[in-house]
């Protein structure tokens, strides 16, 4: 992130020769980058929960018999664990 901001600052300064405009654009780029990182973290955290709800292995998709017996149907069990 720091490297991106240094490049942005240098590029804007070279284009405008204004240190204040360069600083303003760099702050805008920093805000944009930080917002993108925050949104990516939210997607990673809450996106996982959404995927788990719709997973065939989530507790909500199993029947009561499967939960109490502790067994999954053969089609859902991992073949490398069956013996």
N, C-alpha and C. Protein backbone atom coordinates (compact mmCIF):
# COMPACT_ATOMS: atom_id res chain seq x y z
N UNK A 1 0.83 -1.17 0.00
CA UNK A 1 0.00 0.00 0.00
C UNK A 1 0.89 1.26 0.00
N UNK A 2 1.94 1.20 0.79
CA UNK A 2 2.84 2.36 0.87
C UNK A 2 3.49 2.63 -0.49
N UNK A 3 3.91 1.57 -1.15
CA UNK A 3 4.54 1.74 -2.46
C UNK A 3 3.55 2.35 -3.45
N UNK A 4 2.32 1.91 -3.42
CA UNK A 4 1.30 2.47 -4.32
C UNK A 4 1.09 3.95 -4.05
N UNK A 5 1.08 4.32 -2.77
CA UNK A 5 0.86 5.73 -2.44
C UNK A 5 2.06 6.60 -2.82
N UNK A 6 3.27 6.07 -2.66
CA UNK A 6 4.47 6.82 -3.05
C UNK A 6 4.48 7.03 -4.56
N UNK A 7 4.12 6.00 -5.31
CA UNK A 7 4.05 6.12 -6.77
C UNK A 7 2.98 7.13 -7.16
N UNK A 8 1.83 7.08 -6.50
CA UNK A 8 0.76 8.04 -6.79
C UNK A 8 1.21 9.46 -6.51
N UNK A 9 1.87 9.65 -5.36
CA UNK A 9 2.33 10.99 -5.01
C UNK A 9 3.35 11.51 -6.03
N UNK A 10 4.29 10.67 -6.42
CA UNK A 10 5.29 11.08 -7.40
C UNK A 10 4.70 11.36 -8.76
N UNK A 11 3.76 10.53 -9.16
CA UNK A 11 3.14 10.70 -10.47
C UNK A 11 2.34 12.00 -10.53
N UNK A 12 1.52 12.25 -9.51
CA UNK A 12 0.72 13.47 -9.50
C UNK A 12 1.61 14.71 -9.40
N UNK A 13 2.67 14.61 -8.60
CA UNK A 13 3.58 15.76 -8.48
C UNK A 13 4.27 16.03 -9.83
N UNK A 14 4.67 14.97 -10.51
CA UNK A 14 5.33 15.15 -11.81
C UNK A 14 4.35 15.74 -12.84
N UNK A 15 3.07 15.40 -12.73
CA UNK A 15 2.09 15.88 -13.69
C UNK A 15 1.65 17.32 -13.40
N UNK A 16 1.58 17.68 -12.10
CA UNK A 16 1.03 18.99 -11.75
C UNK A 16 2.05 19.97 -11.17
N UNK A 17 3.16 19.47 -10.67
CA UNK A 17 4.18 20.27 -9.97
C UNK A 17 3.60 21.02 -8.76
N UNK A 18 2.57 20.44 -8.17
CA UNK A 18 1.93 21.03 -7.00
C UNK A 18 2.00 20.04 -5.84
N UNK A 19 2.74 20.37 -4.77
CA UNK A 19 2.82 19.44 -3.64
C UNK A 19 1.47 19.28 -2.93
N UNK A 20 0.64 20.32 -2.90
CA UNK A 20 -0.65 20.23 -2.22
C UNK A 20 -1.63 19.36 -3.00
N UNK A 21 -1.65 19.51 -4.30
CA UNK A 21 -2.51 18.67 -5.12
C UNK A 21 -2.03 17.22 -5.08
N UNK A 22 -0.72 17.05 -5.06
CA UNK A 22 -0.16 15.70 -4.94
C UNK A 22 -0.56 15.06 -3.62
N UNK A 23 -0.52 15.82 -2.54
CA UNK A 23 -0.92 15.31 -1.23
C UNK A 23 -2.41 14.97 -1.21
N UNK A 24 -3.22 15.82 -1.81
CA UNK A 24 -4.67 15.56 -1.85
C UNK A 24 -4.99 14.28 -2.61
N UNK A 25 -4.37 14.10 -3.77
CA UNK A 25 -4.61 12.88 -4.55
C UNK A 25 -4.09 11.65 -3.82
N UNK A 26 -2.98 11.78 -3.12
CA UNK A 26 -2.44 10.66 -2.36
C UNK A 26 -3.38 10.27 -1.22
N UNK A 27 -3.93 11.26 -0.53
CA UNK A 27 -4.90 10.96 0.53
C UNK A 27 -6.17 10.32 -0.03
N UNK A 28 -6.59 10.78 -1.19
CA UNK A 28 -7.76 10.16 -1.83
C UNK A 28 -7.47 8.71 -2.23
N UNK A 29 -6.27 8.46 -2.74
CA UNK A 29 -5.90 7.09 -3.10
C UNK A 29 -5.80 6.21 -1.85
N UNK A 30 -5.28 6.77 -0.75
CA UNK A 30 -5.18 6.01 0.50
C UNK A 30 -6.56 5.64 1.02
N UNK A 31 -7.48 6.57 0.96
CA UNK A 31 -8.85 6.31 1.39
C UNK A 31 -9.50 5.24 0.53
N UNK A 32 -9.29 5.32 -0.77
CA UNK A 32 -9.85 4.32 -1.69
C UNK A 32 -9.26 2.94 -1.44
N UNK A 33 -7.95 2.86 -1.26
CA UNK A 33 -7.31 1.57 -0.99
C UNK A 33 -7.78 0.98 0.33
N UNK A 34 -7.85 1.80 1.37
CA UNK A 34 -8.26 1.30 2.68
C UNK A 34 -9.70 0.84 2.66
N UNK A 35 -10.55 1.54 1.94
CA UNK A 35 -11.95 1.12 1.81
C UNK A 35 -12.03 -0.23 1.09
N UNK A 36 -11.23 -0.39 0.05
CA UNK A 36 -11.21 -1.67 -0.67
C UNK A 36 -10.74 -2.81 0.20
N UNK A 37 -9.71 -2.57 1.01
CA UNK A 37 -9.24 -3.61 1.93
C UNK A 37 -10.32 -3.96 2.94
N UNK A 38 -11.02 -2.98 3.47
CA UNK A 38 -12.07 -3.21 4.45
C UNK A 38 -13.21 -4.03 3.85
N UNK A 39 -13.61 -3.69 2.64
CA UNK A 39 -14.67 -4.44 1.97
C UNK A 39 -14.23 -5.87 1.69
N UNK A 40 -12.96 -6.05 1.30
CA UNK A 40 -12.45 -7.41 1.05
C UNK A 40 -12.49 -8.25 2.32
N UNK A 41 -12.13 -7.66 3.45
CA UNK A 41 -12.18 -8.39 4.72
C UNK A 41 -13.62 -8.75 5.07
N UNK A 42 -14.55 -7.81 4.87
CA UNK A 42 -15.95 -8.12 5.14
C UNK A 42 -16.45 -9.27 4.27
N UNK A 43 -16.07 -9.28 3.03
CA UNK A 43 -16.48 -10.36 2.13
C UNK A 43 -15.87 -11.68 2.58
N UNK A 44 -14.61 -11.66 3.00
CA UNK A 44 -13.99 -12.90 3.47
C UNK A 44 -14.65 -13.42 4.74
N UNK A 45 -15.02 -12.54 5.64
CA UNK A 45 -15.62 -12.98 6.91
C UNK A 45 -17.07 -13.40 6.72
N UNK A 46 -17.89 -12.52 6.14
CA UNK A 46 -19.31 -12.82 6.03
C UNK A 46 -19.63 -13.67 4.82
N UNK A 47 -18.81 -13.65 3.80
CA UNK A 47 -19.02 -14.51 2.64
C UNK A 47 -18.87 -15.97 2.99
N UNK A 48 -17.96 -16.27 3.91
CA UNK A 48 -17.77 -17.64 4.37
C UNK A 48 -19.01 -18.14 5.09
N UNK A 49 -19.62 -17.29 5.89
CA UNK A 49 -20.83 -17.70 6.61
C UNK A 49 -21.97 -17.97 5.65
N UNK A 50 -22.08 -17.15 4.62
CA UNK A 50 -23.14 -17.36 3.64
C UNK A 50 -22.93 -18.67 2.90
N UNK A 51 -21.68 -18.98 2.55
CA UNK A 51 -21.39 -20.23 1.86
C UNK A 51 -21.63 -21.43 2.77
N UNK A 52 -21.35 -21.31 4.06
CA UNK A 52 -21.56 -22.42 4.99
C UNK A 52 -23.04 -22.72 5.17
N UNK A 53 -23.88 -21.72 5.11
CA UNK A 53 -25.32 -21.93 5.27
C UNK A 53 -25.85 -22.78 4.12
N UNK A 54 -25.33 -22.59 2.92
CA UNK A 54 -25.82 -23.31 1.76
C UNK A 54 -25.01 -24.57 1.45
N UNK A 55 -24.05 -24.90 2.30
CA UNK A 55 -23.23 -26.08 2.08
C UNK A 55 -24.02 -27.35 2.43
N UNK A 56 -23.83 -28.44 1.68
CA UNK A 56 -24.53 -29.69 2.02
C UNK A 56 -24.02 -30.29 3.33
N UNK A 57 -22.89 -29.82 3.83
CA UNK A 57 -22.34 -30.35 5.07
C UNK A 57 -22.66 -29.48 6.27
N UNK A 58 -23.43 -28.40 6.08
CA UNK A 58 -23.79 -27.56 7.21
C UNK A 58 -24.83 -28.26 8.06
N UNK A 59 -24.84 -28.01 9.37
CA UNK A 59 -25.79 -28.68 10.25
C UNK A 59 -27.25 -28.45 9.86
N UNK A 60 -27.56 -27.32 9.27
CA UNK A 60 -28.95 -27.03 8.92
C UNK A 60 -29.45 -27.89 7.76
N UNK A 61 -28.55 -28.49 6.98
CA UNK A 61 -28.99 -29.29 5.84
C UNK A 61 -29.09 -30.78 6.18
N UNK A 62 -28.67 -31.17 7.36
CA UNK A 62 -28.74 -32.58 7.76
C UNK A 62 -30.08 -32.88 8.42
N UNK A 63 -30.50 -34.12 8.31
CA UNK A 63 -31.74 -34.52 8.99
C UNK A 63 -31.44 -34.82 10.45
N UNK A 64 -32.49 -34.90 11.26
CA UNK A 64 -32.30 -35.19 12.68
C UNK A 64 -31.64 -36.55 12.89
N UNK A 65 -32.00 -37.53 12.06
CA UNK A 65 -31.41 -38.85 12.19
C UNK A 65 -29.90 -38.82 11.94
N UNK A 66 -29.48 -38.04 10.95
CA UNK A 66 -28.05 -37.94 10.65
C UNK A 66 -27.30 -37.24 11.77
N UNK A 67 -27.92 -36.26 12.38
CA UNK A 67 -27.25 -35.53 13.44
C UNK A 67 -27.12 -36.41 14.68
N UNK A 68 -28.18 -37.15 15.04
CA UNK A 68 -28.12 -37.97 16.25
C UNK A 68 -27.24 -39.20 16.05
N UNK A 69 -27.20 -39.76 14.85
CA UNK A 69 -26.38 -40.94 14.64
C UNK A 69 -24.93 -40.58 14.40
N UNK A 70 -24.65 -39.35 13.99
CA UNK A 70 -23.29 -38.93 13.73
C UNK A 70 -22.75 -39.42 12.40
N UNK A 71 -23.63 -39.95 11.57
CA UNK A 71 -23.19 -40.48 10.28
C UNK A 71 -23.80 -39.69 9.15
N UNK A 72 -23.04 -39.57 8.09
CA UNK A 72 -23.53 -38.96 6.87
C UNK A 72 -23.82 -40.06 5.86
N UNK A 73 -24.71 -39.79 4.92
CA UNK A 73 -24.91 -40.77 3.85
C UNK A 73 -23.62 -41.01 3.09
N UNK A 74 -23.48 -42.18 2.51
CA UNK A 74 -22.24 -42.53 1.80
C UNK A 74 -21.90 -41.53 0.70
N UNK A 75 -22.88 -40.96 0.06
CA UNK A 75 -22.60 -40.02 -1.03
C UNK A 75 -21.93 -38.74 -0.52
N UNK A 76 -22.13 -38.42 0.75
CA UNK A 76 -21.54 -37.20 1.29
C UNK A 76 -20.27 -37.48 2.09
N UNK A 77 -20.03 -38.71 2.46
CA UNK A 77 -18.83 -39.02 3.25
C UNK A 77 -17.61 -38.98 2.36
N UNK A 78 -16.47 -38.66 2.97
CA UNK A 78 -15.22 -38.64 2.20
C UNK A 78 -14.76 -40.07 1.96
N UNK A 79 -14.47 -40.43 0.71
CA UNK A 79 -14.09 -41.80 0.40
C UNK A 79 -12.77 -42.21 1.05
N UNK A 80 -11.86 -41.27 1.29
CA UNK A 80 -10.59 -41.65 1.88
C UNK A 80 -10.71 -41.97 3.37
N UNK A 81 -11.83 -41.63 4.00
CA UNK A 81 -12.02 -41.94 5.41
C UNK A 81 -12.84 -43.22 5.63
N UNK A 82 -13.46 -43.72 4.58
CA UNK A 82 -14.26 -44.93 4.70
C UNK A 82 -13.38 -46.16 4.69
N UNK A 83 -13.69 -47.09 5.56
CA UNK A 83 -12.98 -48.38 5.57
C UNK A 83 -13.92 -49.46 5.97
